[in-house]
Amino acid sequence: MVSDLQFSWELGGSGWATYRITDSASEQKGIVGYCTDALADLLYAVAGLYGDSPVQRVSFDLEPAELRWRLRRQGADVAIAIYRFPDMSTSWDSPDDAGTLSWSSTQSRSVLGHSVLEAADTVLRVHGETGYREKWVLHPFPVAALQDFRRLHSRDDDCRHEQYQGSPDS
């Protein structure tokens, strides 16, 4: 299967990152704040698709808005739905569909996993652990989340993704 899914995560100023997810039909792009450990949360959510739970959620703090990703495994595929809520402080217990659907796509778990893995590896390669912490401020680079996710993706999707072997910190 050839996929057109692309995902990126770029650190901006202190405590901000820009994410972009796109397929052939549409694009979602936004700026995420550091009030949550957003990249780690995303890695854990996608890794969770390799377990028993068919639905994973991750919330990005847009200060004050919330962007909630719902990842629903459907066989070998994942339905990705991104909902926007006007205020994260009041939406935490709201059902997903109470938000405004702002992007959706269905992709194979392998393709989604690979795209997120490549984006996280790029962040680590560009910034290293020290540079990530300097820019993201409240949270260190999610090394354990990335390692756990890489192991599951490699095992279950037979992916031979070349992982980043060093860091600008070394």
N, C-alpha and C. Protein backbone atom coordinates (compact mmCIF):
# COMPACT_ATOMS: atom_id res chain seq x y z
N MET A 1 0.84 -1.19 0.00
CA MET A 1 0.00 0.00 0.00
C MET A 1 0.88 1.24 0.00
N VAL A 2 0.66 2.12 -0.93
CA VAL A 2 1.36 3.40 -0.97
C VAL A 2 0.48 4.40 -0.24
N SER A 3 1.08 5.11 0.69
CA SER A 3 0.30 6.07 1.47
C SER A 3 0.77 7.48 1.20
N ASP A 4 -0.15 8.38 1.36
CA ASP A 4 0.17 9.79 1.20
C ASP A 4 0.19 10.51 2.55
N LEU A 5 0.14 9.77 3.65
CA LEU A 5 0.14 10.38 4.98
C LEU A 5 1.51 10.96 5.29
N GLN A 6 1.50 12.18 5.78
CA GLN A 6 2.73 12.83 6.24
C GLN A 6 2.44 13.47 7.59
N PHE A 7 3.41 13.36 8.49
CA PHE A 7 3.29 13.96 9.81
C PHE A 7 4.62 14.60 10.16
N SER A 8 4.56 15.79 10.74
CA SER A 8 5.80 16.43 11.21
C SER A 8 5.53 17.12 12.54
N TRP A 9 6.62 17.29 13.28
CA TRP A 9 6.59 17.94 14.59
C TRP A 9 7.85 18.82 14.65
N GLU A 10 7.66 20.12 14.70
CA GLU A 10 8.81 21.04 14.71
C GLU A 10 8.74 21.94 15.92
N LEU A 11 9.82 21.97 16.68
CA LEU A 11 9.90 22.85 17.83
C LEU A 11 10.08 24.29 17.36
N GLY A 12 9.35 25.19 17.99
CA GLY A 12 9.47 26.61 17.66
C GLY A 12 10.19 27.32 18.79
N GLY A 13 9.59 28.39 19.24
CA GLY A 13 10.15 29.14 20.37
C GLY A 13 10.01 28.34 21.65
N SER A 14 10.31 28.98 22.73
CA SER A 14 10.28 28.32 24.03
C SER A 14 8.87 27.83 24.36
N GLY A 15 8.71 26.51 24.43
CA GLY A 15 7.45 25.92 24.83
C GLY A 15 6.40 25.78 23.74
N TRP A 16 6.81 25.83 22.47
CA TRP A 16 5.86 25.71 21.37
C TRP A 16 6.36 24.73 20.32
N ALA A 17 5.43 24.02 19.72
CA ALA A 17 5.75 23.13 18.60
C ALA A 17 4.65 23.27 17.55
N THR A 18 5.03 23.12 16.31
CA THR A 18 4.08 23.11 15.22
C THR A 18 3.98 21.68 14.71
N TYR A 19 2.77 21.16 14.66
CA TYR A 19 2.57 19.83 14.07
C TYR A 19 1.84 20.03 12.75
N ARG A 20 2.02 19.06 11.88
CA ARG A 20 1.33 19.06 10.58
C ARG A 20 1.04 17.61 10.23
N ILE A 21 -0.22 17.33 9.92
CA ILE A 21 -0.59 16.01 9.44
C ILE A 21 -1.41 16.23 8.17
N THR A 22 -1.09 15.47 7.15
CA THR A 22 -1.74 15.67 5.86
C THR A 22 -1.89 14.34 5.12
N ASP A 23 -2.92 14.28 4.33
CA ASP A 23 -3.08 13.18 3.38
C ASP A 23 -3.50 13.82 2.05
N SER A 24 -3.89 13.03 1.08
CA SER A 24 -4.21 13.59 -0.23
C SER A 24 -5.47 14.46 -0.21
N ALA A 25 -6.28 14.33 0.82
CA ALA A 25 -7.54 15.08 0.86
C ALA A 25 -7.45 16.39 1.62
N SER A 26 -6.66 16.43 2.70
CA SER A 26 -6.64 17.64 3.52
C SER A 26 -5.43 17.68 4.44
N GLU A 27 -5.30 18.82 5.11
CA GLU A 27 -4.17 19.04 6.00
C GLU A 27 -4.67 19.64 7.31
N GLN A 28 -4.03 19.28 8.40
CA GLN A 28 -4.27 19.88 9.70
C GLN A 28 -2.92 20.37 10.20
N LYS A 29 -2.88 21.61 10.64
CA LYS A 29 -1.64 22.17 11.14
C LYS A 29 -1.99 23.03 12.35
N GLY A 30 -1.15 22.98 13.37
CA GLY A 30 -1.43 23.79 14.54
C GLY A 30 -0.21 23.98 15.41
N ILE A 31 -0.34 24.90 16.33
CA ILE A 31 0.73 25.18 17.29
C ILE A 31 0.29 24.67 18.65
N VAL A 32 1.14 23.84 19.25
CA VAL A 32 0.85 23.18 20.51
C VAL A 32 1.72 23.79 21.60
N GLY A 33 1.12 23.99 22.77
CA GLY A 33 1.87 24.52 23.90
C GLY A 33 2.41 23.41 24.79
N TYR A 34 3.36 23.76 25.63
CA TYR A 34 4.08 22.80 26.46
C TYR A 34 3.38 22.47 27.78
N CYS A 35 2.16 22.92 27.98
CA CYS A 35 1.45 22.62 29.23
C CYS A 35 1.18 21.13 29.38
N THR A 36 1.16 20.42 28.27
CA THR A 36 1.10 18.96 28.32
C THR A 36 2.37 18.42 27.66
N ASP A 37 2.68 17.19 27.92
CA ASP A 37 3.85 16.55 27.32
C ASP A 37 3.41 15.95 25.98
N ALA A 38 3.06 16.83 25.05
CA ALA A 38 2.32 16.48 23.84
C ALA A 38 2.99 15.40 22.98
N LEU A 39 4.29 15.52 22.71
CA LEU A 39 4.94 14.53 21.86
C LEU A 39 4.96 13.16 22.54
N ALA A 40 5.27 13.14 23.82
CA ALA A 40 5.24 11.86 24.56
C ALA A 40 3.83 11.27 24.56
N ASP A 41 2.84 12.12 24.79
CA ASP A 41 1.45 11.65 24.80
C ASP A 41 1.07 11.05 23.46
N LEU A 42 1.49 11.68 22.38
CA LEU A 42 1.20 11.15 21.05
C LEU A 42 1.89 9.80 20.83
N LEU A 43 3.15 9.70 21.22
CA LEU A 43 3.88 8.43 21.07
C LEU A 43 3.20 7.32 21.85
N TYR A 44 2.80 7.61 23.09
CA TYR A 44 2.12 6.59 23.91
C TYR A 44 0.76 6.22 23.31
N ALA A 45 0.04 7.19 22.75
CA ALA A 45 -1.26 6.90 22.16
C ALA A 45 -1.12 6.00 20.93
N VAL A 46 -0.19 6.32 20.05
CA VAL A 46 0.00 5.49 18.86
C VAL A 46 0.51 4.10 19.27
N ALA A 47 1.40 4.04 20.24
CA ALA A 47 1.88 2.74 20.75
C ALA A 47 0.73 1.93 21.34
N GLY A 48 -0.23 2.62 21.94
CA GLY A 48 -1.39 1.94 22.52
C GLY A 48 -2.23 1.21 21.49
N LEU A 49 -2.13 1.61 20.24
CA LEU A 49 -2.86 0.92 19.17
C LEU A 49 -2.33 -0.49 18.93
N TYR A 50 -1.18 -0.80 19.50
CA TYR A 50 -0.59 -2.13 19.36
C TYR A 50 -1.03 -3.05 20.50
N GLY A 51 -1.83 -2.53 21.41
CA GLY A 51 -2.31 -3.31 22.55
C GLY A 51 -3.76 -3.71 22.39
N ASP A 52 -4.41 -3.95 23.52
CA ASP A 52 -5.78 -4.45 23.52
C ASP A 52 -6.84 -3.36 23.32
N SER A 53 -6.51 -2.14 23.63
CA SER A 53 -7.50 -1.07 23.54
C SER A 53 -7.62 -0.57 22.10
N PRO A 54 -8.83 -0.63 21.53
CA PRO A 54 -9.00 -0.20 20.14
C PRO A 54 -9.06 1.31 19.95
N VAL A 55 -9.18 2.07 21.05
CA VAL A 55 -9.29 3.53 20.93
C VAL A 55 -8.25 4.19 21.84
N GLN A 56 -7.54 5.14 21.28
CA GLN A 56 -6.58 5.94 22.03
C GLN A 56 -6.90 7.41 21.80
N ARG A 57 -6.68 8.21 22.83
CA ARG A 57 -6.91 9.65 22.72
C ARG A 57 -5.69 10.40 23.21
N VAL A 58 -5.46 11.54 22.59
CA VAL A 58 -4.39 12.43 23.04
C VAL A 58 -4.89 13.86 22.86
N SER A 59 -4.60 14.70 23.85
CA SER A 59 -5.03 16.09 23.80
C SER A 59 -3.82 17.00 23.71
N PHE A 60 -3.92 17.98 22.83
CA PHE A 60 -2.90 19.01 22.70
C PHE A 60 -3.48 20.31 23.25
N ASP A 61 -2.72 20.97 24.07
CA ASP A 61 -3.13 22.23 24.66
C ASP A 61 -2.75 23.37 23.72
N LEU A 62 -3.77 24.06 23.22
CA LEU A 62 -3.54 25.19 22.32
C LEU A 62 -3.66 26.52 23.07
N GLU A 63 -3.86 26.43 24.36
CA GLU A 63 -3.92 27.58 25.26
C GLU A 63 -4.81 28.70 24.74
N PRO A 64 -6.08 28.70 24.92
CA PRO A 64 -6.84 27.87 25.84
C PRO A 64 -7.54 26.68 25.17
N ALA A 65 -7.55 26.64 23.85
CA ALA A 65 -8.29 25.59 23.14
C ALA A 65 -7.63 24.22 23.34
N GLU A 66 -8.41 23.19 23.07
CA GLU A 66 -7.91 21.81 23.09
C GLU A 66 -8.08 21.22 21.71
N LEU A 67 -7.08 20.48 21.28
CA LEU A 67 -7.16 19.70 20.06
C LEU A 67 -7.05 18.24 20.52
N ARG A 68 -8.09 17.48 20.32
CA ARG A 68 -8.13 16.09 20.79
C ARG A 68 -8.08 15.15 19.59
N TRP A 69 -7.09 14.27 19.62
CA TRP A 69 -6.97 13.24 18.59
C TRP A 69 -7.63 11.97 19.12
N ARG A 70 -8.51 11.39 18.33
CA ARG A 70 -9.06 10.07 18.64
C ARG A 70 -8.56 9.12 17.57
N LEU A 71 -7.86 8.09 18.00
CA LEU A 71 -7.31 7.07 17.12
C LEU A 71 -8.09 5.79 17.39
N ARG A 72 -8.80 5.32 16.39
CA ARG A 72 -9.64 4.13 16.55
C ARG A 72 -9.15 3.05 15.60
N ARG A 73 -8.63 1.97 16.19
CA ARG A 73 -8.14 0.85 15.38
C ARG A 73 -9.32 0.10 14.77
N GLN A 74 -9.23 -0.17 13.48
CA GLN A 74 -10.24 -0.92 12.74
C GLN A 74 -9.52 -1.97 11.92
N GLY A 75 -9.27 -3.13 12.52
CA GLY A 75 -8.47 -4.15 11.86
C GLY A 75 -7.04 -3.65 11.72
N ALA A 76 -6.52 -3.64 10.50
CA ALA A 76 -5.15 -3.16 10.26
C ALA A 76 -5.09 -1.64 10.07
N ASP A 77 -6.26 -1.00 10.06
CA ASP A 77 -6.32 0.44 9.83
C ASP A 77 -6.61 1.21 11.12
N VAL A 78 -6.40 2.51 11.03
CA VAL A 78 -6.70 3.41 12.14
C VAL A 78 -7.49 4.59 11.58
N ALA A 79 -8.66 4.83 12.17
CA ALA A 79 -9.44 6.02 11.84
C ALA A 79 -8.93 7.14 12.75
N ILE A 80 -8.41 8.18 12.14
CA ILE A 80 -7.87 9.33 12.88
C ILE A 80 -8.90 10.44 12.79
N ALA A 81 -9.34 10.94 13.94
CA ALA A 81 -10.27 12.07 13.97
C ALA A 81 -9.71 13.11 14.93
N ILE A 82 -9.62 14.34 14.49
CA ILE A 82 -9.09 15.42 15.32
C ILE A 82 -10.22 16.41 15.57
N TYR A 83 -10.51 16.61 16.85
CA TYR A 83 -11.59 17.50 17.27
C TYR A 83 -11.01 18.72 17.97
N ARG A 84 -11.66 19.84 17.75
CA ARG A 84 -11.25 21.10 18.39
C ARG A 84 -12.32 21.52 19.39
N PHE A 85 -11.86 21.90 20.58
CA PHE A 85 -12.72 22.41 21.63
C PHE A 85 -12.24 23.82 21.97
N PRO A 86 -13.14 24.74 22.27
CA PRO A 86 -12.73 26.13 22.51
C PRO A 86 -11.93 26.35 23.79
N ASP A 87 -12.11 25.50 24.81
CA ASP A 87 -11.45 25.74 26.08
C ASP A 87 -11.09 24.42 26.74
N MET A 88 -9.80 24.13 26.84
CA MET A 88 -9.34 22.87 27.41
C MET A 88 -9.76 22.71 28.87
N SER A 89 -9.88 23.80 29.60
CA SER A 89 -10.22 23.70 31.02
C SER A 89 -11.65 23.23 31.24
N THR A 90 -12.51 23.35 30.23
CA THR A 90 -13.90 22.90 30.38
C THR A 90 -14.24 21.70 29.50
N SER A 91 -13.35 21.28 28.61
CA SER A 91 -13.69 20.21 27.67
C SER A 91 -13.17 18.84 28.07
N TRP A 92 -12.38 18.77 29.15
CA TRP A 92 -11.70 17.51 29.48
C TRP A 92 -12.63 16.33 29.64
N ASP A 93 -13.88 16.54 30.07
CA ASP A 93 -14.79 15.41 30.24
C ASP A 93 -15.87 15.37 29.16
N SER A 94 -15.73 16.19 28.14
CA SER A 94 -16.70 16.21 27.04
C SER A 94 -16.45 15.05 26.09
N PRO A 95 -17.52 14.48 25.53
CA PRO A 95 -17.32 13.44 24.51
C PRO A 95 -16.64 14.05 23.28
N ASP A 96 -15.94 13.20 22.55
CA ASP A 96 -15.20 13.68 21.38
C ASP A 96 -16.09 14.48 20.43
N ASP A 97 -17.26 13.94 20.12
CA ASP A 97 -18.09 14.60 19.11
C ASP A 97 -18.76 15.88 19.60
N ALA A 98 -18.51 16.28 20.85
CA ALA A 98 -18.95 17.60 21.32
C ALA A 98 -18.04 18.69 20.75
N GLY A 99 -16.86 18.28 20.31
CA GLY A 99 -15.95 19.22 19.66
C GLY A 99 -16.26 19.31 18.18
N THR A 100 -15.57 20.19 17.50
CA THR A 100 -15.73 20.36 16.06
C THR A 100 -14.70 19.48 15.35
N LEU A 101 -15.18 18.59 14.50
CA LEU A 101 -14.26 17.74 13.74
C LEU A 101 -13.47 18.63 12.78
N SER A 102 -12.16 18.66 12.94
CA SER A 102 -11.35 19.54 12.10
C SER A 102 -10.47 18.78 11.10
N TRP A 103 -10.30 17.48 11.28
CA TRP A 103 -9.53 16.69 10.31
C TRP A 103 -9.80 15.23 10.57
N SER A 104 -9.84 14.44 9.51
CA SER A 104 -9.99 12.99 9.67
C SER A 104 -9.37 12.27 8.49
N SER A 105 -8.96 11.05 8.75
CA SER A 105 -8.38 10.22 7.71
C SER A 105 -8.36 8.79 8.23
N THR A 106 -8.33 7.84 7.35
CA THR A 106 -8.12 6.44 7.73
C THR A 106 -6.85 5.98 7.05
N GLN A 107 -5.95 5.44 7.85
CA GLN A 107 -4.64 4.99 7.37
C GLN A 107 -4.34 3.64 7.99
N SER A 108 -3.42 2.92 7.40
CA SER A 108 -3.00 1.68 8.05
C SER A 108 -2.23 2.04 9.32
N ARG A 109 -2.31 1.18 10.31
CA ARG A 109 -1.57 1.41 11.55
C ARG A 109 -0.09 1.50 11.26
N SER A 110 0.39 0.70 10.35
CA SER A 110 1.80 0.71 9.99
C SER A 110 2.23 2.06 9.44
N VAL A 111 1.43 2.63 8.55
CA VAL A 111 1.76 3.92 7.94
C VAL A 111 1.70 5.03 8.98
N LEU A 112 0.66 5.05 9.80
CA LEU A 112 0.56 6.05 10.86
C LEU A 112 1.75 5.92 11.81
N GLY A 113 2.02 4.70 12.23
CA GLY A 113 3.14 4.46 13.14
C GLY A 113 4.45 4.93 12.56
N HIS A 114 4.68 4.59 11.32
CA HIS A 114 5.95 4.96 10.68
C HIS A 114 6.09 6.48 10.58
N SER A 115 5.00 7.16 10.22
CA SER A 115 5.03 8.62 10.09
C SER A 115 5.35 9.30 11.42
N VAL A 116 4.72 8.85 12.49
CA VAL A 116 4.95 9.43 13.81
C VAL A 116 6.37 9.11 14.29
N LEU A 117 6.82 7.89 14.05
CA LEU A 117 8.18 7.49 14.42
C LEU A 117 9.22 8.35 13.71
N GLU A 118 9.06 8.56 12.42
CA GLU A 118 10.00 9.39 11.67
C GLU A 118 10.01 10.83 12.19
N ALA A 119 8.85 11.36 12.52
CA ALA A 119 8.78 12.74 13.03
C ALA A 119 9.51 12.86 14.37
N ALA A 120 9.30 11.91 15.26
CA ALA A 120 9.98 11.94 16.57
C ALA A 120 11.49 11.79 16.40
N ASP A 121 11.91 10.90 15.51
CA ASP A 121 13.34 10.73 15.25
C ASP A 121 13.95 12.02 14.68
N THR A 122 13.21 12.71 13.83
CA THR A 122 13.71 13.96 13.26
C THR A 122 13.90 15.01 14.35
N VAL A 123 12.95 15.11 15.26
CA VAL A 123 13.08 16.06 16.38
C VAL A 123 14.33 15.74 17.19
N LEU A 124 14.55 14.47 17.49
CA LEU A 124 15.73 14.07 18.27
C LEU A 124 17.02 14.35 17.50
N ARG A 125 17.03 14.06 16.22
CA ARG A 125 18.22 14.29 15.40
C ARG A 125 18.55 15.79 15.30
N VAL A 126 17.55 16.61 15.14
CA VAL A 126 17.75 18.06 14.97
C VAL A 126 18.15 18.72 16.28
N HIS A 127 17.51 18.35 17.39
CA HIS A 127 17.69 19.07 18.64
C HIS A 127 18.48 18.32 19.71
N GLY A 128 18.50 16.99 19.64
CA GLY A 128 19.10 16.22 20.72
C GLY A 128 18.25 16.35 21.97
N GLU A 129 18.58 15.58 22.98
CA GLU A 129 17.80 15.62 24.21
C GLU A 129 17.95 16.97 24.93
N THR A 130 19.14 17.51 24.96
CA THR A 130 19.38 18.78 25.64
C THR A 130 18.67 19.92 24.92
N GLY A 131 18.79 19.97 23.60
CA GLY A 131 18.14 21.02 22.83
C GLY A 131 16.62 20.94 22.92
N TYR A 132 16.10 19.71 22.95
CA TYR A 132 14.65 19.53 23.09
C TYR A 132 14.20 20.11 24.42
N ARG A 133 14.90 19.77 25.49
CA ARG A 133 14.52 20.26 26.82
C ARG A 133 14.62 21.78 26.90
N GLU A 134 15.63 22.35 26.26
CA GLU A 134 15.77 23.81 26.25
C GLU A 134 14.58 24.47 25.55
N LYS A 135 14.10 23.86 24.48
CA LYS A 135 12.99 24.45 23.73
C LYS A 135 11.62 24.08 24.32
N TRP A 136 11.46 22.84 24.76
CA TRP A 136 10.15 22.39 25.25
C TRP A 136 9.97 22.76 26.72
N VAL A 137 11.01 23.02 27.43
CA VAL A 137 11.09 23.58 28.77
C VAL A 137 10.57 22.65 29.87
N LEU A 138 9.30 22.33 29.89
CA LEU A 138 8.73 21.59 31.03
C LEU A 138 8.94 20.08 31.00
N HIS A 139 9.30 19.54 29.85
CA HIS A 139 9.38 18.09 29.72
C HIS A 139 10.63 17.69 28.93
N PRO A 140 11.30 16.62 29.34
CA PRO A 140 12.44 16.12 28.57
C PRO A 140 11.96 15.39 27.32
N PHE A 141 12.89 15.13 26.41
CA PHE A 141 12.54 14.35 25.23
C PHE A 141 12.04 12.98 25.69
N PRO A 142 10.95 12.48 25.11
CA PRO A 142 10.35 11.22 25.56
C PRO A 142 11.09 9.98 25.05
N VAL A 143 12.29 9.78 25.56
CA VAL A 143 13.13 8.65 25.10
C VAL A 143 12.44 7.31 25.34
N ALA A 144 11.92 7.09 26.54
CA ALA A 144 11.29 5.80 26.85
C ALA A 144 10.06 5.56 25.97
N ALA A 145 9.25 6.59 25.76
CA ALA A 145 8.06 6.45 24.92
C ALA A 145 8.47 6.09 23.49
N LEU A 146 9.51 6.75 22.99
CA LEU A 146 9.99 6.48 21.63
C LEU A 146 10.54 5.05 21.53
N GLN A 147 11.31 4.62 22.50
CA GLN A 147 11.87 3.26 22.47
C GLN A 147 10.77 2.20 22.53
N ASP A 148 9.80 2.38 23.42
CA ASP A 148 8.69 1.42 23.53
C ASP A 148 7.92 1.35 22.22
N PHE A 149 7.61 2.53 21.67
CA PHE A 149 6.85 2.58 20.43
C PHE A 149 7.64 1.95 19.29
N ARG A 150 8.93 2.25 19.19
CA ARG A 150 9.76 1.69 18.13
C ARG A 150 9.77 0.16 18.19
N ARG A 151 9.87 -0.38 19.40
CA ARG A 151 9.89 -1.84 19.57
C ARG A 151 8.58 -2.45 19.07
N LEU A 152 7.44 -1.87 19.44
CA LEU A 152 6.14 -2.40 19.01
C LEU A 152 5.96 -2.28 17.50
N HIS A 153 6.32 -1.13 16.96
CA HIS A 153 6.18 -0.90 15.52
C HIS A 153 7.06 -1.86 14.72
N SER A 154 8.28 -2.04 15.17
CA SER A 154 9.20 -2.94 14.50
C SER A 154 8.70 -4.39 14.56
N ARG A 155 8.25 -4.79 15.73
CA ARG A 155 7.78 -6.17 15.93
C ARG A 155 6.50 -6.46 15.16
N ASP A 156 5.49 -5.60 15.31
CA ASP A 156 4.17 -5.90 14.77
C ASP A 156 3.97 -5.46 13.33
N ASP A 157 4.74 -4.48 12.89
CA ASP A 157 4.60 -3.99 11.51
C ASP A 157 5.79 -4.35 10.65
N ASP A 158 6.73 -5.10 11.24
CA ASP A 158 7.93 -5.54 10.53
C ASP A 158 8.63 -4.38 9.84
N CYS A 159 8.73 -3.28 10.58
CA CYS A 159 9.36 -2.08 10.02
C CYS A 159 10.85 -2.08 10.34
N ARG A 160 11.64 -1.73 9.39
CA ARG A 160 13.08 -1.66 9.57
C ARG A 160 13.55 -0.20 9.51
N HIS A 161 12.76 0.68 10.09
CA HIS A 161 13.08 2.11 10.12
C HIS A 161 14.46 2.32 10.72
N GLU A 162 15.27 3.08 10.03
CA GLU A 162 16.60 3.42 10.53
C GLU A 162 16.46 4.43 11.66
N GLN A 163 16.76 4.00 12.87
CA GLN A 163 16.64 4.92 13.98
C GLN A 163 17.84 5.79 14.12
N TYR A 164 17.62 6.94 14.68
CA TYR A 164 18.69 7.89 14.94
C TYR A 164 19.59 7.31 16.01
N GLN A 165 20.88 7.22 15.74
CA GLN A 165 21.81 6.53 16.62
C GLN A 165 22.59 7.44 17.57
N GLY A 166 22.49 8.70 17.39
CA GLY A 166 23.27 9.59 18.25
C GLY A 166 22.49 10.84 18.51
N SER A 167 23.13 11.75 19.19
CA SER A 167 22.46 12.99 19.53
C SER A 167 23.47 14.11 19.42
N PRO A 168 23.03 15.29 19.05
CA PRO A 168 23.95 16.41 19.04
C PRO A 168 24.53 16.67 20.43
N ASP A 169 23.92 16.08 21.47
CA ASP A 169 24.40 16.25 22.84
C ASP A 169 25.72 15.52 23.06
N SER A 170 25.97 14.46 22.27
CA SER A 170 27.15 13.63 22.56
C SER A 170 28.41 14.24 22.03
